[in-house]
Protein backbone atom coordinates (compact mmCIF):
# COMPACT_ATOMS: atom_id res chain seq x y z
CA UNK A 1 0.00 0.00 0.00
CA UNK A 2 1.40 3.41 -0.92
CA UNK A 3 1.94 6.14 1.64
CA UNK A 4 -0.78 8.25 0.06
CA UNK A 5 -3.43 5.58 0.64
CA UNK A 6 -2.50 4.80 4.20
CA UNK A 7 -4.99 6.08 6.84
CA UNK A 8 -3.80 8.88 9.05
CA UNK A 9 -2.50 7.64 12.40
CA UNK A 10 -3.85 9.38 15.49
CA UNK A 11 -1.47 11.92 16.90
CA UNK A 12 0.16 10.87 20.16
CA UNK A 13 -0.50 13.03 23.20
CA UNK A 14 2.55 15.13 24.01
CA UNK A 15 1.41 17.13 27.01
CA UNK A 16 -1.22 17.46 29.70
CA UNK A 17 -3.15 19.91 27.49
CA UNK A 18 -3.43 17.23 24.78
CA UNK A 19 -5.14 14.84 27.20
CA UNK A 20 -7.24 17.09 29.46
CA UNK A 21 -10.12 18.42 27.40
CA UNK A 22 -11.33 21.30 29.59
CA UNK A 23 -9.48 24.38 28.38
CA UNK A 24 -10.24 28.09 28.17
CA UNK A 25 -11.42 27.90 24.57
CA UNK A 26 -13.89 25.12 25.31
CA UNK A 27 -15.29 26.89 28.36
CA UNK A 28 -15.80 30.11 26.39
CA UNK A 29 -17.45 28.24 23.54
CA UNK A 30 -19.88 26.45 25.84
CA UNK A 31 -20.66 29.63 27.77
CA UNK A 32 -21.45 31.40 24.50
CA UNK A 33 -23.63 28.56 23.24
CA UNK A 34 -25.52 28.38 26.54
CA UNK A 35 -26.06 32.15 26.60
CA UNK A 36 -27.41 32.02 23.05
CA UNK A 37 -29.55 28.95 23.81
CA UNK A 38 -27.82 27.06 20.97
CA UNK A 39 -28.55 23.61 22.37
CA UNK A 40 -27.34 21.60 19.40
CA UNK A 41 -23.99 23.37 19.56
CA UNK A 42 -23.69 22.66 23.30
CA UNK A 43 -24.40 18.97 22.72
CA UNK A 44 -21.81 18.78 19.95
CA UNK A 45 -19.19 20.38 22.17
CA UNK A 46 -19.95 18.01 25.03
CA UNK A 47 -20.23 14.81 23.02
CA UNK A 48 -16.51 13.86 22.99
CA UNK A 49 -16.00 14.71 26.68
CA UNK A 50 -15.53 12.23 29.51
CA UNK A 51 -18.16 12.47 32.29
CA UNK A 52 -15.43 13.69 34.68
CA UNK A 53 -14.62 16.53 32.27
CA UNK A 54 -18.29 17.53 32.15
CA UNK A 55 -18.23 17.56 35.96
CA UNK A 56 -15.26 19.97 35.85
CA UNK A 57 -17.17 22.13 33.39
CA UNK A 58 -20.12 22.27 35.76
CA UNK A 59 -17.81 23.70 38.42
CA UNK A 60 -16.23 26.27 36.10
CA UNK A 61 -19.48 27.47 34.48
CA UNK A 62 -20.92 28.90 37.69
CA UNK A 63 -24.39 28.39 39.12
CA UNK A 64 -26.49 29.68 36.24
CA UNK A 65 -24.26 28.08 33.62
CA UNK A 66 -24.43 24.60 35.14
CA UNK A 67 -28.20 24.86 35.61
CA UNK A 68 -28.60 25.65 31.93
CA UNK A 69 -26.26 22.78 31.12
CA UNK A 70 -28.54 20.32 32.93
CA UNK A 71 -31.58 21.65 31.08
CA UNK A 72 -29.83 21.22 27.71
CA UNK A 73 -28.65 17.68 28.44
CA UNK A 74 -31.86 16.53 30.07
CA UNK A 75 -32.02 12.75 30.35
CA UNK A 76 -28.70 12.47 28.47
CA UNK A 77 -26.76 13.72 31.51
CA UNK A 78 -24.38 10.88 32.34
CA UNK A 79 -24.87 9.63 35.88
CA UNK A 80 -21.07 9.33 36.19
CA UNK A 81 -20.90 13.11 36.01
CA UNK A 82 -22.98 13.43 39.17
CA UNK A 83 -20.80 11.19 41.30
CA UNK A 84 -17.74 13.32 40.48
CA UNK A 85 -19.41 16.36 42.07
CA UNK A 86 -20.20 17.39 45.63
CA UNK A 87 -21.48 20.20 47.79
CA UNK A 88 -23.24 23.20 46.29
CA UNK A 89 -22.30 22.26 42.71
CA UNK A 90 -24.01 18.87 42.97
CA UNK A 91 -26.95 20.43 44.80
CA UNK A 92 -27.42 22.92 41.93
CA UNK A 93 -27.61 20.13 39.36
CA UNK A 94 -29.94 17.95 41.42
CA UNK A 95 -32.27 20.91 42.02
CA UNK A 96 -32.80 21.34 38.26
CA UNK A 97 -33.21 17.64 37.48
CA UNK A 98 -36.69 16.13 37.76
CA UNK A 99 -37.34 13.71 40.62
CA UNK A 100 -37.82 10.93 38.06
CA UNK A 101 -34.42 11.67 36.47
CA UNK A 102 -32.69 11.63 39.87
CA UNK A 103 -34.49 8.41 40.80
CA UNK A 104 -33.31 6.79 37.55
CA UNK A 105 -29.75 7.86 38.32
CA UNK A 106 -29.98 6.39 41.83
CA UNK A 107 -31.17 3.06 40.41
CA UNK A 108 -28.06 2.89 38.20
CA UNK A 109 -25.58 3.64 40.99
CA UNK A 110 -23.98 1.60 43.71
CA UNK A 111 -25.46 2.17 47.15
CA UNK A 112 -22.64 4.40 48.38
CA UNK A 113 -22.89 6.63 45.30
CA UNK A 114 -26.68 6.84 45.59
CA UNK A 115 -26.36 7.85 49.24
CA UNK A 116 -23.85 10.51 48.16
CA UNK A 117 -26.49 12.10 45.90
CA UNK A 118 -29.28 11.96 48.46
CA UNK A 119 -27.11 13.58 51.14
CA UNK A 120 -27.14 16.80 49.13
CA UNK A 121 -30.97 17.06 49.15
CA UNK A 122 -33.41 18.43 51.66
CA UNK A 123 -35.74 16.02 53.44
CA UNK A 124 -38.80 16.84 51.32
CA UNK A 125 -36.92 16.57 48.03
CA UNK A 126 -35.30 13.31 49.15
CA UNK A 127 -38.65 11.71 49.94
CA UNK A 128 -40.02 12.84 46.59
CA UNK A 129 -37.11 11.23 44.76
CA UNK A 130 -37.18 8.00 46.78
CA UNK A 131 -40.86 7.55 45.98
CA UNK A 132 -39.84 7.02 42.34
CA UNK A 133 -37.03 4.56 43.14
CA UNK A 134 -37.85 0.84 42.78
CA UNK A 135 -38.55 -0.85 46.14
CA UNK A 136 -35.39 -3.03 46.34
CA UNK A 137 -33.09 -0.12 45.49
CA UNK A 138 -34.99 2.18 47.83
CA UNK A 139 -34.59 -0.23 50.76
CA UNK A 140 -30.83 -0.49 50.18
CA UNK A 141 -30.41 3.28 49.95
CA UNK A 142 -32.52 3.94 53.05
CA UNK A 143 -30.40 1.46 54.97
CA UNK A 144 -27.27 3.29 53.80
CA UNK A 145 -28.71 6.61 54.97
CA UNK A 146 -29.49 5.08 58.38
CA UNK A 147 -25.80 4.70 59.19
CA UNK A 148 -23.87 7.58 60.83
CA UNK A 149 -22.48 10.21 58.49
CA UNK A 150 -18.86 9.58 57.43
CA UNK A 151 -19.07 5.95 58.57
CA UNK A 152 -18.20 2.73 56.77
CA UNK A 153 -21.93 2.07 56.38
CA UNK A 154 -22.30 5.20 54.25
CA UNK A 155 -19.18 4.34 52.28
CA UNK A 156 -19.87 0.68 51.53
CA UNK A 157 -21.48 -0.91 48.47
CA UNK A 158 -24.21 -3.48 49.00
CA UNK A 159 -23.45 -5.43 45.81
CA UNK A 160 -20.77 -8.09 46.30
CA UNK A 161 -20.02 -11.75 45.65
CA UNK A 162 -20.13 -14.02 48.71
CA UNK A 163 -19.95 -17.82 48.39
CA UNK A 164 -19.35 -20.75 50.78
CA UNK A 165 -15.91 -22.25 51.35
CA UNK A 166 -16.91 -25.66 49.96
CA UNK A 167 -17.54 -24.24 46.46
CA UNK A 168 -14.97 -25.00 43.82
CA UNK A 169 -13.27 -22.48 41.58
CA UNK A 170 -15.35 -23.78 38.68
CA UNK A 171 -18.61 -23.22 40.56
CA UNK A 172 -17.65 -19.63 41.33
CA UNK A 173 -16.73 -18.91 37.69
CA UNK A 174 -20.00 -20.41 36.43
CA UNK A 175 -21.94 -18.46 39.05
CA UNK A 176 -20.34 -15.20 37.92
CA UNK A 177 -21.12 -15.98 34.29
CA UNK A 178 -24.76 -16.94 34.90
CA UNK A 179 -25.76 -14.25 37.42
CA UNK A 180 -27.07 -10.94 36.08
CA UNK A 181 -27.04 -8.77 39.20
CA UNK A 182 -23.32 -8.90 39.99
CA UNK A 183 -21.40 -5.72 40.89
CA UNK A 184 -20.15 -3.72 37.91
CA UNK A 185 -16.62 -3.95 39.27
CA UNK A 186 -15.18 -6.28 41.90
CA UNK A 187 -11.69 -7.42 42.84
CA UNK A 188 -12.19 -10.22 45.34
CA UNK A 189 -14.62 -13.05 46.12
CA UNK A 190 -15.68 -13.19 49.76
CA UNK A 191 -15.96 -16.56 51.45
CA UNK A 192 -18.65 -16.88 54.15
CA UNK A 193 -19.73 -19.42 56.74
CA UNK A 194 -23.34 -20.62 57.24
CA UNK A 195 -24.04 -17.57 59.43
CA UNK A 196 -23.00 -15.26 56.59
CA UNK A 197 -19.85 -14.18 58.40
CA UNK A 198 -16.72 -13.62 56.28
CA UNK A 199 -14.05 -16.26 56.86
CA UNK A 200 -11.75 -15.42 53.97
CA UNK A 201 -11.44 -13.90 50.52
CA UNK A 202 -9.95 -14.83 47.17
CA UNK A 203 -8.39 -12.29 44.82
CA UNK A 204 -9.61 -12.52 41.23
CA UNK A 205 -6.11 -13.03 39.85
CA UNK A 206 -5.65 -16.09 42.07
CA UNK A 207 -9.10 -17.41 41.18
CA UNK A 208 -8.40 -17.15 37.45
CA UNK A 209 -5.06 -18.95 37.77
CA UNK A 210 -6.43 -21.88 39.75
CA UNK A 211 -7.89 -25.06 38.22
CA UNK A 212 -11.66 -25.51 38.37
CA UNK A 213 -11.84 -28.48 40.78
CA UNK A 214 -9.90 -26.71 43.56
CA UNK A 215 -12.03 -25.68 46.56
CA UNK A 216 -12.08 -22.08 47.76
CA UNK A 217 -11.07 -23.11 51.29
CA UNK A 218 -7.76 -24.27 49.86
CA UNK A 219 -6.84 -20.98 48.18
CA UNK A 220 -8.57 -18.29 50.25
CA UNK A 221 -6.75 -15.76 52.39
CA UNK A 222 -8.10 -16.42 55.88
CA UNK A 223 -6.97 -13.20 57.57
CA UNK A 224 -9.34 -10.74 55.90
CA UNK A 225 -9.45 -7.20 57.27
CA UNK A 226 -13.11 -6.88 58.25
CA UNK A 227 -14.43 -3.36 58.85
CA UNK A 228 -17.22 -2.64 61.38
CA UNK A 229 -20.15 -0.85 59.79
CA UNK A 230 -19.89 2.09 62.20
CA UNK A 231 -16.14 2.69 61.77
CA UNK A 232 -15.23 6.27 60.82
CA UNK A 233 -14.39 6.63 57.14
CA UNK A 234 -11.04 8.24 57.93
CA UNK A 235 -10.03 5.13 59.87
CA UNK A 236 -11.26 2.98 56.98
CA UNK A 237 -9.07 4.89 54.53
CA UNK A 238 -6.08 4.49 56.84
CA UNK A 239 -6.56 0.70 56.93
CA UNK A 240 -6.66 0.57 53.13
CA UNK A 241 -3.48 2.61 52.90
CA UNK A 242 -1.73 0.76 55.70
CA UNK A 243 -2.45 -2.75 54.43
CA UNK A 244 -2.70 -1.97 50.69
CA UNK A 245 -6.19 -3.41 50.42
CA UNK A 246 -8.04 -3.79 47.14
CA UNK A 247 -11.34 -4.30 48.93
CA UNK A 248 -12.55 -5.15 52.42
CA UNK A 249 -15.73 -6.73 53.82
CA UNK A 250 -17.99 -4.64 56.05
CA UNK A 251 -19.65 -6.43 58.95
CA UNK A 252 -22.51 -5.59 61.30
CA UNK A 253 -22.57 -5.96 65.09
CA UNK A 254 -23.17 -9.71 64.75
CA UNK A 255 -20.20 -10.11 62.42
CA UNK A 256 -22.36 -10.76 59.35
CA UNK A 257 -21.22 -9.55 55.94
CA UNK A 258 -23.33 -6.56 54.90
CA UNK A 259 -21.24 -4.78 52.28
CA UNK A 260 -17.87 -4.11 50.71
CA UNK A 261 -15.58 -1.09 50.44
CA UNK A 262 -13.17 -0.84 47.51
CA UNK A 263 -9.87 0.98 47.18
CA UNK A 264 -11.31 3.75 44.97
CA UNK A 265 -13.78 4.65 47.74
CA UNK A 266 -10.95 4.73 50.27
CA UNK A 267 -8.79 6.85 47.95
CA UNK A 268 -11.62 9.37 47.62
CA UNK A 269 -11.84 9.58 51.42
CA UNK A 270 -8.09 10.16 51.73
CA UNK A 271 -8.30 13.00 49.22
CA UNK A 272 -11.35 14.46 50.93
CA UNK A 273 -9.78 14.33 54.40
CA UNK A 274 -6.51 15.87 53.17
CA UNK A 275 -8.40 18.75 51.53
CA UNK A 276 -10.55 19.19 54.62
CA UNK A 277 -7.52 19.41 56.92
CA UNK A 278 -5.82 21.90 54.62
CA UNK A 279 -8.87 24.14 54.43
CA UNK A 280 -9.54 23.98 58.15
CA UNK A 281 -5.96 24.98 58.90
CA UNK A 282 -6.64 28.03 56.72
CA UNK A 283 -9.90 28.80 58.48
CA UNK A 284 -12.16 27.67 55.63
CA UNK A 285 -14.81 25.22 56.77
CA UNK A 286 -16.69 24.61 53.53
CA UNK A 287 -15.22 22.01 51.19
CA UNK A 288 -16.89 23.77 48.25
CA UNK A 289 -15.83 27.27 49.23
CA UNK A 290 -14.80 28.18 45.67
CA UNK A 291 -18.23 27.35 44.23
CA UNK A 292 -20.38 28.76 47.04
CA UNK A 293 -22.17 32.06 46.79
CA UNK A 294 -20.42 35.17 48.10
CA UNK A 295 -22.91 35.44 50.98
CA UNK A 296 -22.44 31.84 52.12
CA UNK A 297 -18.67 32.04 51.81
CA UNK A 298 -18.64 35.28 53.81
CA UNK A 299 -20.75 33.69 56.53
CA UNK A 300 -18.57 30.58 56.86
CA UNK A 301 -15.33 32.57 56.98
CA UNK A 302 -16.56 35.35 59.26
CA UNK A 303 -16.78 33.15 62.36
CA UNK A 304 -13.14 32.14 61.99
CA UNK A 305 -12.07 35.73 61.39
CA UNK A 306 -13.98 36.77 64.51
CA UNK A 307 -11.95 34.31 66.59
CA UNK A 308 -8.75 35.65 65.05
CA UNK A 309 -9.86 39.19 65.88
CA UNK A 310 -10.20 38.20 69.53
CA UNK A 311 -6.70 36.73 69.58
CA UNK A 312 -5.32 39.84 67.87
CA UNK A 313 -6.91 42.01 70.53
CA UNK A 314 -5.29 39.84 73.21
CA UNK A 315 -1.88 40.35 71.58
CA UNK A 316 -2.56 44.10 71.38
CA UNK A 317 -3.36 44.16 75.09
CA UNK A 318 0.07 42.66 75.80
CA UNK A 319 1.66 45.40 73.70
CA UNK A 320 -0.36 48.01 75.58
CA UNK A 321 1.27 46.88 78.83
CA UNK A 322 4.57 48.21 77.51
CA UNK A 323 3.35 51.37 75.78
CA UNK A 324 5.64 53.53 77.92
CA UNK A 325 8.62 51.39 76.96
CA UNK A 326 7.78 51.66 73.26
CA UNK A 327 7.42 55.46 73.56
CA UNK A 328 10.97 55.69 74.90
CA UNK A 329 12.50 53.18 72.48
CA UNK A 330 10.74 53.52 69.13
CA UNK A 331 12.96 50.83 67.62
CA UNK A 332 10.96 48.26 69.58
CA UNK A 333 7.87 48.97 67.46
CA UNK A 334 9.93 48.30 64.34
CA UNK A 335 11.44 45.05 65.56
CA UNK A 336 8.72 43.33 67.59
CA UNK A 337 6.74 42.02 64.55
CA UNK A 338 9.88 40.07 63.58
CA UNK A 339 9.85 38.08 66.81
CA UNK A 340 6.14 37.24 66.59
CA UNK A 341 6.26 36.47 62.87
CA UNK A 342 9.23 34.12 63.10
CA UNK A 343 7.64 32.29 66.04
CA UNK A 344 4.33 32.00 64.19
CA UNK A 345 5.91 30.64 61.02
CA UNK A 346 8.08 28.15 62.93
CA UNK A 347 5.07 26.99 64.91
CA UNK A 348 2.98 26.60 61.76
CA UNK A 349 5.63 24.34 60.25
CA UNK A 350 5.58 22.11 63.31
CA UNK A 351 1.79 22.25 63.55
CA UNK A 352 1.27 21.19 59.92
CA UNK A 353 3.56 18.20 60.32
CA UNK A 354 1.92 17.21 63.63
CA UNK A 355 -1.65 17.45 62.33
CA UNK A 356 -0.83 15.33 59.30
CA UNK A 357 1.09 12.82 61.42
CA UNK A 358 -1.90 12.44 63.73
CA UNK A 359 -4.17 11.83 60.74
CA UNK A 360 -1.87 9.11 59.41
CA UNK A 361 -1.27 7.63 62.90
CA UNK A 362 2.47 8.36 62.66
CA UNK A 363 2.21 10.48 65.82
CA UNK A 364 0.76 8.58 68.77
CA UNK A 365 1.05 8.49 72.56
CA UNK A 366 3.84 5.93 72.14
CA UNK A 367 6.23 8.32 70.36
CA UNK A 368 4.81 11.71 71.43
CA UNK A 369 7.58 12.42 73.95
CA UNK A 370 10.30 11.78 71.38
CA UNK A 371 8.60 13.99 68.79
CA UNK A 372 8.09 16.81 71.29
CA UNK A 373 11.76 16.61 72.28
CA UNK A 374 12.83 16.71 68.65
CA UNK A 375 10.69 19.80 67.93
CA UNK A 376 12.08 21.53 71.03
CA UNK A 377 15.59 20.91 69.73
CA UNK A 378 14.69 22.09 66.23
CA UNK A 379 13.12 25.23 67.69
CA UNK A 380 16.19 25.92 69.79
CA UNK A 381 18.61 25.42 66.88
CA UNK A 382 16.58 27.57 64.52
CA UNK A 383 16.15 30.11 67.29
CA UNK A 384 19.89 30.41 67.86
CA UNK A 385 20.58 30.57 64.13
CA UNK A 386 18.14 33.39 63.44
CA UNK A 387 18.79 35.08 66.79
CA UNK A 388 22.39 35.67 65.75
CA UNK A 389 21.31 36.98 62.36
CA UNK A 390 18.52 39.25 63.62
CA UNK A 391 20.56 40.37 66.64
CA UNK A 392 23.43 41.54 64.46
CA UNK A 393 21.08 43.34 62.07
CA UNK A 394 19.28 45.11 64.93
CA UNK A 395 22.53 46.07 66.65
CA UNK A 396 23.99 47.67 63.52
CA UNK A 397 20.68 49.13 62.33
CA UNK A 398 19.96 51.07 65.51
CA UNK A 399 23.56 51.23 66.80
CA UNK A 400 22.51 49.54 70.08
CA UNK A 401 24.29 46.24 70.82
CA UNK A 402 22.05 45.71 73.87
CA UNK A 403 18.95 45.91 71.65
CA UNK A 404 20.43 43.25 69.38
CA UNK A 405 21.02 40.99 72.40
CA UNK A 406 17.45 41.50 73.66
CA UNK A 407 15.83 40.58 70.35
CA UNK A 408 18.19 37.61 70.00
CA UNK A 409 17.15 36.18 73.37
CA UNK A 410 13.47 36.85 72.65
CA UNK A 411 13.84 35.08 69.30
CA UNK A 412 15.29 31.93 70.87
CA UNK A 413 12.60 31.77 73.55
CA UNK A 414 9.72 32.29 71.11
CA UNK A 415 11.06 29.75 68.60
CA UNK A 416 11.35 27.12 71.34
CA UNK A 417 7.82 27.91 72.54
CA UNK A 418 6.58 27.71 68.94
CA UNK A 419 8.07 24.25 68.48
CA UNK A 420 6.57 23.08 71.76
CA UNK A 421 3.14 24.59 71.08
CA UNK A 422 3.06 23.34 67.50
CA UNK A 423 3.29 19.77 68.81
CA UNK A 424 1.44 19.88 72.13
CA UNK A 425 -1.61 21.79 70.85
CA UNK A 426 -2.67 19.20 68.22
CA UNK A 427 -1.84 16.37 70.64
CA UNK A 428 -4.01 17.94 73.33
CA UNK A 429 -6.90 18.62 70.96
CA UNK A 430 -6.72 15.08 69.60
CA UNK A 431 -6.75 13.66 73.14
CA UNK A 432 -9.84 15.79 73.88
CA UNK A 433 -11.61 14.38 70.81
CA UNK A 434 -11.39 17.63 68.83
CA UNK A 435 -10.10 17.68 65.26
CA UNK A 436 -6.70 19.45 65.55
CA UNK A 437 -7.13 20.97 62.11
CA UNK A 438 -10.09 23.04 63.30
CA UNK A 439 -8.72 25.03 66.22
CA UNK A 440 -4.98 24.43 66.40
CA UNK A 441 -3.98 27.42 64.28
CA UNK A 442 -5.86 29.91 66.48
CA UNK A 443 -4.24 28.63 69.67
CA UNK A 444 -0.81 28.56 68.05
CA UNK A 445 -0.84 32.12 66.70
CA UNK A 446 -2.18 33.40 70.00
CA UNK A 447 0.62 31.75 71.97
CA UNK A 448 3.44 32.82 69.63
CA UNK A 449 2.17 36.40 69.40
CA UNK A 450 1.58 36.82 73.11
CA UNK A 451 4.82 35.14 74.14
CA UNK A 452 6.83 36.91 71.45
CA UNK A 453 5.58 40.39 72.34
CA UNK A 454 5.71 39.82 76.10
CA UNK A 455 9.24 38.40 76.15
CA UNK A 456 10.70 40.96 73.75
CA UNK A 457 9.07 44.01 75.32
CA UNK A 458 9.58 42.67 78.84
CA UNK A 459 13.32 42.13 78.29
CA UNK A 460 13.57 45.59 76.72
CA UNK A 461 11.87 47.15 79.73
CA UNK A 462 14.24 45.34 82.12
CA UNK A 463 17.57 45.88 80.35
CA UNK A 464 17.23 48.89 78.07
CA UNK A 465 15.58 51.46 80.32
């Protein structure tokens, strides 16, 4: 065949932009088509996109844009798009969809994904949608909603494959071929006893490599990691990460198998918890802060800012105690933010590491003393290092060697306190049952500011006047 007659080969992707479809040009084109109510054009632009890309578009388009998008797509909206969304963005889409359309989507989804959709609805809307869901699916979803929020029961899927230990490999394969209502995706076969309690599991790769006459009891892994139905989802995700699980059985109080959690569900929890911790450390409580309305975002952030205002006033009161000292030595007003800022930044470094270590169970009561000692040493070393630097700068800047010595000593003390506080605060909050990511930052900045100002101004009042 000549070169001229050969079909064109598809161009290989050379960059991220070649693979990820959502770019500025596409967003502008869809916005224009939606504004002009050119529905055919919108459908043509969306046709080649993956459901996850359409979910990203829904976020970028804004509230009115995504509502119009749902109207244009109608029943053609892929249910996979919905499960990639959360918070106010998902709520916007569900509000526009008809109860029948939402009910149809719920019937297509696994139980955990269906529960995820219903969580974003009000009680009245939820009941309206559930009335259109077939009875078997409705019972499974209602059971999922009955479990505590953020628990394994909410996270698990009801569809799984559970067979007795006396079955052969051939029986299991034939069962999987002949049964219509199997899970869409599964990675392991669960082996149960007569009381429906899991006694082992067999990975699909091992099942496929074993001859048909072999019994499951001879090839199953007997030490399965069973997860209680009321376990917190963060603990579930940790177990998956710790033991590199592909899936895990979920059991009720009697030890009976009631569901399964897969690694993709656990990975989603890990991502969600990491984002949540990051946003809470920054004082942002809403996981969909970027997509929320200005009023809602203002309301959620204002409470945190109010707390910070109170701590700032406390620090100002400490400064006010030494107003006479500052009046006599104006250089103190120039230098004291350095002490507080360095302490705050050093403490934040320690705090971030400690909060994450607590979440991953790397920091526990067993090694807390060693970690605290290490952070004290790090604080002291950094304190000495920067005390020398800042002390020399202050001494030459204001031609007062004593002033340089005062700020150097204050720097060392505040850096040591910052290292200590950055570790002890999250440990204390965790011991009290409070998420360290929520309140640790406020306590830390208060301590480093108050200690920094008090020590620096107090030493100046003692030795410079």
